[in-house]
C-alpha cells in the first residue's frame, strides 16, 4: 500500500522515491548496515532491481513502507510496517538506518513511535511485533525505550556467518 507521509520532530517518513534506490544499492552491500539483517550477505543489485522492489513494496496489500528523510531532504533509512493482519489486528515493524552518520543519533527512537501511533490510531492494530538478533543490543534498547516488551527468544532462529544465532521477539500492545 502507498504509505502516507508521517512527520516527527526532526524527520519525515515518506513514500519511496526513485532516488532512494541508488542509496539502497550502497546500503544493501555494506556489511555494517547489513550486520543484523535477516538475509544472508547481499549481492550487488541493479538500479532496476531496486526500483522493482519499490514497486513490489507499494503494491503489497498488507504493508506500509517509508523512507526516513532529514529536514534537508537527505534520505537516511527506511522503516516498514508489514504482515498487517486485519482479522487479528497484528503487524510487524522493521527499520534500517542506512546512513551511518545517523547511527546513535536517536533516529529510530523518534520514528518508531510515529509508525506505532499510525498503526494503532489509523489501522486499528492492537499488537505490533519486532524481531531483533540477540547481538543487536542497540535495537533492543530502542524497542524497549519505545515501550516494546521482550516476550520471547527464538533459539537458533537464524544463520549468521555460518553459525546459528538467537532472535529476540518483542511486542507492543495497544491498551
N, C-alpha and C. Protein backbone atom coordinates (compact mmCIF):
# COMPACT_ATOMS: atom_id res chain seq x y z
N UNK A 1 0.85 -1.18 0.00
CA UNK A 1 0.00 0.00 0.00
C UNK A 1 0.89 1.23 0.00
N UNK A 2 0.41 2.26 -0.60
CA UNK A 2 1.17 3.52 -0.61
C UNK A 2 1.09 4.13 0.78
N UNK A 3 2.25 4.37 1.36
CA UNK A 3 2.32 4.90 2.72
C UNK A 3 2.00 6.38 2.74
N UNK A 4 1.26 6.82 3.75
CA UNK A 4 1.06 8.26 3.92
C UNK A 4 2.32 8.89 4.52
N UNK A 5 2.50 10.15 4.32
CA UNK A 5 3.63 10.85 4.92
C UNK A 5 3.36 11.06 6.41
N UNK A 6 4.34 10.74 7.23
CA UNK A 6 4.26 10.96 8.67
C UNK A 6 5.41 11.88 9.06
N UNK A 7 5.20 12.72 10.06
CA UNK A 7 6.27 13.61 10.48
C UNK A 7 6.54 13.43 11.97
N UNK A 8 7.80 13.62 12.32
CA UNK A 8 8.21 13.62 13.72
C UNK A 8 8.86 14.98 13.96
N UNK A 9 9.42 15.16 15.13
CA UNK A 9 10.06 16.43 15.46
C UNK A 9 11.18 16.76 14.47
N UNK A 10 11.96 15.75 14.07
CA UNK A 10 13.12 16.01 13.21
C UNK A 10 13.08 15.32 11.86
N UNK A 11 12.19 14.37 11.66
CA UNK A 11 12.24 13.57 10.43
C UNK A 11 10.88 13.49 9.76
N UNK A 12 10.96 13.20 8.48
CA UNK A 12 9.74 12.95 7.71
C UNK A 12 9.81 11.51 7.22
N UNK A 13 8.73 10.80 7.40
CA UNK A 13 8.60 9.45 6.85
C UNK A 13 7.71 9.60 5.63
N UNK A 14 8.24 9.25 4.48
CA UNK A 14 7.52 9.48 3.24
C UNK A 14 7.58 8.23 2.37
N UNK A 15 6.67 8.14 1.40
CA UNK A 15 6.74 7.01 0.47
C UNK A 15 8.08 7.03 -0.27
N UNK A 16 8.45 5.90 -0.80
CA UNK A 16 9.71 5.79 -1.54
C UNK A 16 9.71 6.71 -2.75
N UNK A 17 10.91 7.19 -3.08
CA UNK A 17 11.16 7.93 -4.32
C UNK A 17 12.12 7.09 -5.15
N UNK A 18 12.11 7.31 -6.45
CA UNK A 18 13.05 6.59 -7.31
C UNK A 18 14.49 6.80 -6.87
N UNK A 19 14.81 7.99 -6.40
CA UNK A 19 16.19 8.29 -6.00
C UNK A 19 16.65 7.46 -4.80
N UNK A 20 15.72 6.90 -4.03
CA UNK A 20 16.08 6.05 -2.89
C UNK A 20 16.80 4.78 -3.35
N UNK A 21 16.45 4.30 -4.51
CA UNK A 21 17.01 3.03 -4.99
C UNK A 21 18.53 3.08 -5.09
N UNK A 22 19.09 4.20 -5.48
CA UNK A 22 20.54 4.32 -5.58
C UNK A 22 21.19 4.20 -4.20
N UNK A 23 20.53 4.71 -3.17
CA UNK A 23 21.05 4.57 -1.80
C UNK A 23 21.01 3.12 -1.36
N UNK A 24 19.92 2.44 -1.69
CA UNK A 24 19.79 1.04 -1.30
C UNK A 24 20.88 0.20 -1.94
N UNK A 25 21.30 0.56 -3.14
CA UNK A 25 22.39 -0.18 -3.78
C UNK A 25 23.63 -0.17 -2.89
N UNK A 26 23.87 0.94 -2.23
CA UNK A 26 25.02 1.07 -1.34
C UNK A 26 24.75 0.36 -0.02
N UNK A 27 23.61 0.63 0.59
CA UNK A 27 23.29 0.07 1.90
C UNK A 27 23.21 -1.46 1.87
N UNK A 28 22.66 -2.01 0.79
CA UNK A 28 22.45 -3.46 0.71
C UNK A 28 23.74 -4.27 0.68
N UNK A 29 24.84 -3.65 0.30
CA UNK A 29 26.09 -4.40 0.25
C UNK A 29 27.10 -3.94 1.30
N UNK A 30 26.68 -3.02 2.17
CA UNK A 30 27.54 -2.54 3.24
C UNK A 30 27.45 -3.52 4.41
N UNK A 31 28.54 -4.22 4.72
CA UNK A 31 28.48 -5.22 5.80
C UNK A 31 28.03 -4.66 7.14
N UNK A 32 28.39 -3.43 7.46
CA UNK A 32 27.98 -2.85 8.74
C UNK A 32 26.47 -2.60 8.77
N UNK A 33 25.92 -2.08 7.68
CA UNK A 33 24.47 -1.82 7.61
C UNK A 33 23.71 -3.14 7.64
N UNK A 34 24.23 -4.14 7.00
CA UNK A 34 23.54 -5.44 6.88
C UNK A 34 23.82 -6.39 8.04
N UNK A 35 24.64 -5.98 8.99
CA UNK A 35 25.10 -6.87 10.06
C UNK A 35 23.98 -7.60 10.79
N UNK A 36 22.84 -6.95 10.99
CA UNK A 36 21.76 -7.58 11.77
C UNK A 36 20.50 -7.81 10.94
N UNK A 37 20.65 -7.81 9.63
CA UNK A 37 19.50 -8.08 8.76
C UNK A 37 19.31 -9.59 8.66
N UNK A 38 18.08 -10.05 8.42
CA UNK A 38 17.83 -11.49 8.41
C UNK A 38 18.39 -12.22 7.19
N UNK A 39 18.60 -11.49 6.09
CA UNK A 39 19.05 -12.14 4.88
C UNK A 39 20.54 -12.44 4.95
N UNK A 40 20.99 -13.39 4.13
CA UNK A 40 22.44 -13.58 4.03
C UNK A 40 23.06 -12.36 3.34
N UNK A 41 24.36 -12.33 3.24
CA UNK A 41 25.04 -11.21 2.61
C UNK A 41 24.45 -10.96 1.24
N UNK A 42 24.12 -9.71 0.98
CA UNK A 42 23.50 -9.35 -0.29
C UNK A 42 24.53 -9.21 -1.40
N UNK A 43 24.17 -9.67 -2.57
CA UNK A 43 24.97 -9.42 -3.77
C UNK A 43 24.54 -8.07 -4.33
N UNK A 44 25.43 -7.38 -5.00
CA UNK A 44 25.05 -6.09 -5.61
C UNK A 44 23.85 -6.27 -6.54
N UNK A 45 22.93 -5.32 -6.48
CA UNK A 45 21.73 -5.34 -7.31
C UNK A 45 21.74 -4.16 -8.27
N UNK A 46 21.09 -4.32 -9.37
CA UNK A 46 20.99 -3.22 -10.33
C UNK A 46 19.99 -2.20 -9.83
N UNK A 47 20.09 -1.01 -10.36
CA UNK A 47 19.12 0.03 -10.03
C UNK A 47 17.72 -0.42 -10.42
N UNK A 48 17.61 -1.08 -11.53
CA UNK A 48 16.31 -1.58 -11.98
C UNK A 48 15.72 -2.59 -11.00
N UNK A 49 16.56 -3.45 -10.39
CA UNK A 49 16.07 -4.41 -9.40
C UNK A 49 15.55 -3.70 -8.16
N UNK A 50 16.23 -2.64 -7.75
CA UNK A 50 15.76 -1.89 -6.59
C UNK A 50 14.46 -1.14 -6.90
N UNK A 51 14.33 -0.63 -8.10
CA UNK A 51 13.09 0.04 -8.49
C UNK A 51 11.94 -0.96 -8.54
N UNK A 52 12.22 -2.17 -8.98
CA UNK A 52 11.19 -3.21 -8.98
C UNK A 52 10.78 -3.55 -7.55
N UNK A 53 11.77 -3.61 -6.65
CA UNK A 53 11.47 -3.87 -5.24
C UNK A 53 10.56 -2.77 -4.67
N UNK A 54 10.85 -1.52 -5.00
CA UNK A 54 10.00 -0.41 -4.55
C UNK A 54 8.56 -0.63 -5.00
N UNK A 55 8.40 -0.97 -6.26
CA UNK A 55 7.06 -1.19 -6.81
C UNK A 55 6.36 -2.35 -6.10
N UNK A 56 7.10 -3.40 -5.82
CA UNK A 56 6.52 -4.55 -5.10
C UNK A 56 6.07 -4.14 -3.70
N UNK A 57 6.88 -3.35 -3.01
CA UNK A 57 6.50 -2.89 -1.67
C UNK A 57 5.21 -2.09 -1.72
N UNK A 58 5.14 -1.18 -2.66
CA UNK A 58 3.96 -0.31 -2.74
C UNK A 58 2.72 -1.05 -3.21
N UNK A 59 2.88 -2.20 -3.82
CA UNK A 59 1.71 -2.95 -4.27
C UNK A 59 1.23 -3.97 -3.23
N UNK A 60 2.02 -4.16 -2.17
CA UNK A 60 1.60 -5.09 -1.12
C UNK A 60 0.30 -4.60 -0.48
N UNK A 61 -0.56 -5.54 -0.15
CA UNK A 61 -1.82 -5.15 0.49
C UNK A 61 -1.74 -5.25 2.01
N UNK A 62 -0.63 -5.77 2.53
CA UNK A 62 -0.52 -5.93 3.98
C UNK A 62 0.71 -5.24 4.56
N UNK A 63 1.13 -4.12 3.92
CA UNK A 63 2.29 -3.43 4.45
C UNK A 63 2.41 -1.99 4.00
N UNK A 64 3.10 -1.21 4.81
CA UNK A 64 3.42 0.19 4.51
C UNK A 64 4.92 0.36 4.63
N UNK A 65 5.51 1.07 3.69
CA UNK A 65 6.96 1.27 3.65
C UNK A 65 7.26 2.76 3.52
N UNK A 66 8.21 3.22 4.33
CA UNK A 66 8.60 4.63 4.30
C UNK A 66 10.11 4.77 4.17
N UNK A 67 10.53 5.86 3.56
CA UNK A 67 11.91 6.31 3.65
C UNK A 67 11.96 7.34 4.76
N UNK A 68 13.07 7.37 5.48
CA UNK A 68 13.28 8.33 6.56
C UNK A 68 14.12 9.46 5.98
N UNK A 69 13.59 10.68 6.09
CA UNK A 69 14.24 11.83 5.47
C UNK A 69 14.49 12.92 6.51
N UNK A 70 15.66 13.56 6.40
CA UNK A 70 16.01 14.67 7.29
C UNK A 70 15.32 15.94 6.80
N UNK A 71 15.33 17.01 7.62
CA UNK A 71 14.73 18.28 7.18
C UNK A 71 15.40 18.87 5.93
N UNK A 72 16.64 18.46 5.66
CA UNK A 72 17.33 18.97 4.47
C UNK A 72 17.07 18.09 3.24
N UNK A 73 16.23 17.06 3.40
CA UNK A 73 15.88 16.21 2.26
C UNK A 73 16.80 15.02 2.05
N UNK A 74 17.67 14.74 3.01
CA UNK A 74 18.59 13.60 2.90
C UNK A 74 17.87 12.33 3.36
N UNK A 75 17.87 11.32 2.53
CA UNK A 75 17.28 10.03 2.89
C UNK A 75 18.33 9.24 3.66
N UNK A 76 17.96 8.80 4.88
CA UNK A 76 18.94 8.14 5.75
C UNK A 76 18.57 6.71 6.12
N UNK A 77 17.38 6.26 5.76
CA UNK A 77 16.99 4.90 6.11
C UNK A 77 15.58 4.60 5.67
N UNK A 78 15.11 3.45 6.11
CA UNK A 78 13.74 3.01 5.81
C UNK A 78 13.12 2.41 7.06
N UNK A 79 11.80 2.46 7.10
CA UNK A 79 11.05 1.82 8.18
C UNK A 79 9.79 1.24 7.54
N UNK A 80 9.36 0.10 8.05
CA UNK A 80 8.20 -0.57 7.45
C UNK A 80 7.30 -1.17 8.52
N UNK A 81 6.03 -1.21 8.19
CA UNK A 81 5.02 -1.89 8.97
C UNK A 81 4.49 -2.98 8.04
N UNK A 82 4.77 -4.23 8.36
CA UNK A 82 4.45 -5.33 7.45
C UNK A 82 3.61 -6.40 8.12
N UNK A 83 3.23 -7.37 7.31
CA UNK A 83 2.43 -8.50 7.79
C UNK A 83 1.22 -8.04 8.59
N UNK A 84 0.57 -6.99 8.09
CA UNK A 84 -0.62 -6.47 8.77
C UNK A 84 -1.75 -7.47 8.60
N UNK A 85 -2.31 -7.89 9.70
CA UNK A 85 -3.39 -8.86 9.70
C UNK A 85 -4.61 -8.18 10.29
N UNK A 86 -5.56 -7.83 9.45
CA UNK A 86 -6.76 -7.11 9.90
C UNK A 86 -7.60 -7.93 10.86
N UNK A 87 -7.71 -9.22 10.62
CA UNK A 87 -8.55 -10.06 11.48
C UNK A 87 -8.00 -10.11 12.91
N UNK A 88 -6.71 -10.38 13.03
CA UNK A 88 -6.11 -10.48 14.35
C UNK A 88 -5.57 -9.15 14.87
N UNK A 89 -5.59 -8.13 14.01
CA UNK A 89 -5.14 -6.77 14.34
C UNK A 89 -3.66 -6.75 14.77
N UNK A 90 -2.83 -7.40 13.94
CA UNK A 90 -1.41 -7.54 14.20
C UNK A 90 -0.59 -6.89 13.09
N UNK A 91 0.64 -6.54 13.42
CA UNK A 91 1.60 -6.03 12.43
C UNK A 91 3.00 -6.26 12.95
N UNK A 92 3.97 -6.14 12.05
CA UNK A 92 5.38 -6.25 12.42
C UNK A 92 6.10 -4.99 11.95
N UNK A 93 7.04 -4.51 12.74
CA UNK A 93 7.78 -3.31 12.39
C UNK A 93 9.26 -3.67 12.17
N UNK A 94 9.87 -2.96 11.22
CA UNK A 94 11.29 -3.15 10.95
C UNK A 94 11.90 -1.84 10.48
N UNK A 95 13.17 -1.64 10.76
CA UNK A 95 13.83 -0.38 10.44
C UNK A 95 15.29 -0.62 10.05
N UNK A 96 15.78 0.20 9.13
CA UNK A 96 17.19 0.21 8.75
C UNK A 96 17.63 1.67 8.66
N UNK A 97 18.65 2.01 9.42
CA UNK A 97 19.29 3.32 9.26
C UNK A 97 20.51 3.05 8.39
N UNK A 98 20.41 3.38 7.13
CA UNK A 98 21.47 3.06 6.18
C UNK A 98 22.63 4.05 6.20
N UNK A 99 22.34 5.30 6.53
CA UNK A 99 23.38 6.32 6.58
C UNK A 99 24.04 6.26 7.95
N UNK A 100 25.26 5.73 8.00
CA UNK A 100 25.95 5.51 9.27
C UNK A 100 26.25 6.80 10.02
N UNK A 101 26.20 7.94 9.36
CA UNK A 101 26.38 9.22 10.05
C UNK A 101 25.24 9.48 11.04
N UNK A 102 24.14 8.76 10.89
CA UNK A 102 22.98 8.95 11.76
C UNK A 102 22.82 7.83 12.79
N UNK A 103 23.76 6.91 12.85
CA UNK A 103 23.71 5.87 13.87
C UNK A 103 23.97 6.51 15.24
N UNK A 104 23.20 6.06 16.21
CA UNK A 104 23.39 6.56 17.58
C UNK A 104 22.88 7.97 17.79
N UNK A 105 22.10 8.49 16.85
CA UNK A 105 21.60 9.87 16.94
C UNK A 105 20.12 9.93 17.34
N UNK A 106 19.53 8.79 17.71
CA UNK A 106 18.14 8.78 18.16
C UNK A 106 17.10 8.74 17.05
N UNK A 107 17.52 8.44 15.84
CA UNK A 107 16.56 8.41 14.73
C UNK A 107 15.48 7.35 14.98
N UNK A 108 15.90 6.12 15.25
CA UNK A 108 14.93 5.04 15.46
C UNK A 108 14.02 5.34 16.65
N UNK A 109 14.58 5.90 17.70
CA UNK A 109 13.79 6.23 18.88
C UNK A 109 12.71 7.25 18.55
N UNK A 110 12.95 8.09 17.55
CA UNK A 110 11.97 9.10 17.18
C UNK A 110 10.96 8.60 16.15
N UNK A 111 11.40 7.78 15.19
CA UNK A 111 10.48 7.40 14.12
C UNK A 111 9.63 6.17 14.44
N UNK A 112 10.14 5.27 15.26
CA UNK A 112 9.34 4.09 15.61
C UNK A 112 8.01 4.49 16.26
N UNK A 113 8.00 5.40 17.25
CA UNK A 113 6.71 5.79 17.82
C UNK A 113 5.73 6.40 16.82
N UNK A 114 6.22 7.08 15.81
CA UNK A 114 5.33 7.65 14.78
C UNK A 114 4.63 6.55 14.01
N UNK A 115 5.36 5.49 13.67
CA UNK A 115 4.76 4.37 12.94
C UNK A 115 3.83 3.59 13.86
N UNK A 116 4.23 3.41 15.11
CA UNK A 116 3.37 2.74 16.08
C UNK A 116 2.05 3.50 16.24
N UNK A 117 2.12 4.81 16.39
CA UNK A 117 0.92 5.62 16.53
C UNK A 117 0.02 5.48 15.29
N UNK A 118 0.62 5.50 14.11
CA UNK A 118 -0.15 5.32 12.87
C UNK A 118 -0.86 3.97 12.88
N UNK A 119 -0.13 2.92 13.26
CA UNK A 119 -0.72 1.57 13.27
C UNK A 119 -1.88 1.47 14.25
N UNK A 120 -1.70 2.03 15.44
CA UNK A 120 -2.75 1.94 16.46
C UNK A 120 -3.93 2.85 16.13
N UNK A 121 -3.67 4.08 15.73
CA UNK A 121 -4.76 5.05 15.57
C UNK A 121 -5.45 5.00 14.20
N UNK A 122 -4.72 4.65 13.15
CA UNK A 122 -5.31 4.67 11.80
C UNK A 122 -5.66 3.30 11.25
N UNK A 123 -4.96 2.27 11.71
CA UNK A 123 -5.18 0.93 11.15
C UNK A 123 -5.92 0.00 12.10
N UNK A 124 -6.08 0.40 13.34
CA UNK A 124 -6.76 -0.46 14.31
C UNK A 124 -5.92 -1.64 14.76
N UNK A 125 -4.61 -1.56 14.56
CA UNK A 125 -3.71 -2.63 15.02
C UNK A 125 -3.71 -2.61 16.55
N UNK A 126 -3.68 -3.79 17.14
CA UNK A 126 -3.67 -3.92 18.59
C UNK A 126 -2.30 -4.36 19.10
N UNK A 127 -1.58 -5.11 18.28
CA UNK A 127 -0.26 -5.61 18.69
C UNK A 127 0.74 -5.48 17.55
N UNK A 128 1.91 -4.95 17.87
CA UNK A 128 3.00 -4.82 16.90
C UNK A 128 4.18 -5.64 17.42
N UNK A 129 4.75 -6.45 16.54
CA UNK A 129 5.90 -7.28 16.88
C UNK A 129 7.15 -6.78 16.19
N UNK A 130 8.29 -7.14 16.76
CA UNK A 130 9.58 -6.82 16.16
C UNK A 130 10.54 -7.97 16.49
N UNK A 131 11.35 -8.32 15.51
CA UNK A 131 12.37 -9.35 15.70
C UNK A 131 13.74 -8.68 15.69
N UNK A 132 14.59 -9.07 16.64
CA UNK A 132 15.91 -8.47 16.79
C UNK A 132 16.92 -9.57 17.06
N UNK A 133 18.00 -9.59 16.28
CA UNK A 133 19.04 -10.55 16.57
C UNK A 133 19.64 -10.25 17.94
N UNK A 134 19.93 -11.29 18.68
CA UNK A 134 20.39 -11.15 20.07
C UNK A 134 21.58 -10.20 20.21
N UNK A 135 22.46 -10.19 19.24
CA UNK A 135 23.66 -9.34 19.30
C UNK A 135 23.36 -7.87 18.99
N UNK A 136 22.17 -7.57 18.52
CA UNK A 136 21.81 -6.19 18.17
C UNK A 136 21.26 -5.48 19.41
N UNK A 137 22.15 -5.26 20.35
CA UNK A 137 21.78 -4.68 21.65
C UNK A 137 21.19 -3.28 21.48
N UNK A 138 21.73 -2.49 20.57
CA UNK A 138 21.23 -1.12 20.39
C UNK A 138 19.77 -1.11 19.97
N UNK A 139 19.38 -1.99 19.03
CA UNK A 139 17.98 -2.01 18.59
C UNK A 139 17.08 -2.54 19.70
N UNK A 140 17.54 -3.49 20.48
CA UNK A 140 16.74 -3.98 21.60
C UNK A 140 16.46 -2.84 22.57
N UNK A 141 17.46 -2.01 22.83
CA UNK A 141 17.27 -0.86 23.74
C UNK A 141 16.28 0.15 23.15
N UNK A 142 16.37 0.39 21.85
CA UNK A 142 15.44 1.32 21.19
C UNK A 142 14.01 0.81 21.33
N UNK A 143 13.81 -0.46 21.08
CA UNK A 143 12.45 -1.02 21.19
C UNK A 143 11.93 -0.89 22.62
N UNK A 144 12.77 -1.20 23.58
CA UNK A 144 12.36 -1.09 24.98
C UNK A 144 12.04 0.35 25.35
N UNK A 145 12.85 1.28 24.86
CA UNK A 145 12.59 2.70 25.10
C UNK A 145 11.27 3.14 24.46
N UNK A 146 10.89 2.45 23.37
CA UNK A 146 9.65 2.77 22.66
C UNK A 146 8.44 2.03 23.24
N UNK A 147 8.64 1.31 24.34
CA UNK A 147 7.53 0.65 25.02
C UNK A 147 7.36 -0.82 24.70
N UNK A 148 8.18 -1.38 23.81
CA UNK A 148 8.09 -2.80 23.48
C UNK A 148 8.63 -3.63 24.64
N UNK A 149 8.03 -4.79 24.83
CA UNK A 149 8.49 -5.73 25.85
C UNK A 149 9.03 -6.98 25.17
N UNK A 150 10.11 -7.48 25.69
CA UNK A 150 10.65 -8.73 25.16
C UNK A 150 9.76 -9.86 25.65
N UNK A 151 9.20 -10.59 24.70
CA UNK A 151 8.29 -11.65 25.10
C UNK A 151 8.73 -13.03 24.62
N UNK A 152 9.98 -13.13 24.23
CA UNK A 152 10.47 -14.46 23.88
C UNK A 152 11.80 -14.44 23.17
N UNK A 153 12.39 -15.61 23.11
CA UNK A 153 13.63 -15.83 22.37
C UNK A 153 13.42 -17.00 21.44
N UNK A 154 13.74 -16.80 20.18
CA UNK A 154 13.71 -17.89 19.21
C UNK A 154 15.14 -18.41 19.11
N UNK A 155 15.40 -19.52 19.79
CA UNK A 155 16.74 -20.09 19.82
C UNK A 155 17.13 -20.63 18.45
N UNK A 156 18.36 -20.33 18.05
CA UNK A 156 18.91 -20.83 16.78
C UNK A 156 18.01 -20.52 15.59
N UNK A 157 17.42 -19.34 15.58
CA UNK A 157 16.42 -18.99 14.57
C UNK A 157 17.01 -18.52 13.24
N UNK A 158 18.27 -18.09 13.24
CA UNK A 158 18.90 -17.61 12.01
C UNK A 158 20.32 -18.16 11.91
N UNK A 159 20.84 -18.08 10.69
CA UNK A 159 22.23 -18.44 10.46
C UNK A 159 22.96 -17.17 10.07
N UNK A 160 24.03 -16.86 10.79
CA UNK A 160 24.87 -15.68 10.53
C UNK A 160 26.30 -16.13 10.48
N UNK A 161 26.96 -15.85 9.39
CA UNK A 161 28.38 -16.22 9.24
C UNK A 161 28.62 -17.69 9.55
N UNK A 162 27.70 -18.53 9.11
CA UNK A 162 27.84 -19.96 9.29
C UNK A 162 27.48 -20.49 10.67
N UNK A 163 27.01 -19.62 11.57
CA UNK A 163 26.65 -20.03 12.93
C UNK A 163 25.18 -19.74 13.19
N UNK A 164 24.56 -20.58 13.97
CA UNK A 164 23.18 -20.36 14.36
C UNK A 164 23.14 -19.31 15.47
N UNK A 165 22.19 -18.39 15.37
CA UNK A 165 22.06 -17.34 16.38
C UNK A 165 20.62 -17.24 16.86
N UNK A 166 20.46 -16.64 18.03
CA UNK A 166 19.14 -16.43 18.61
C UNK A 166 18.55 -15.12 18.13
N UNK A 167 17.22 -15.10 18.07
CA UNK A 167 16.48 -13.89 17.70
C UNK A 167 15.50 -13.59 18.83
N UNK A 168 15.52 -12.34 19.27
CA UNK A 168 14.61 -11.91 20.34
C UNK A 168 13.31 -11.41 19.72
N UNK A 169 12.21 -11.74 20.36
CA UNK A 169 10.90 -11.31 19.90
C UNK A 169 10.37 -10.25 20.87
N UNK A 170 9.98 -9.11 20.31
CA UNK A 170 9.42 -8.02 21.10
C UNK A 170 7.99 -7.76 20.66
N UNK A 171 7.19 -7.25 21.58
CA UNK A 171 5.83 -6.90 21.25
C UNK A 171 5.37 -5.66 22.00
N UNK A 172 4.46 -4.95 21.37
CA UNK A 172 3.84 -3.78 21.98
C UNK A 172 2.35 -3.90 21.75
N UNK A 173 1.59 -3.84 22.84
CA UNK A 173 0.14 -4.00 22.77
C UNK A 173 -0.52 -2.65 23.06
N UNK A 174 -1.45 -2.27 22.20
CA UNK A 174 -2.21 -1.05 22.39
C UNK A 174 -3.29 -1.30 23.43
N UNK A 175 -3.29 -0.47 24.45
CA UNK A 175 -4.30 -0.67 25.51
C UNK A 175 -5.28 0.48 25.56
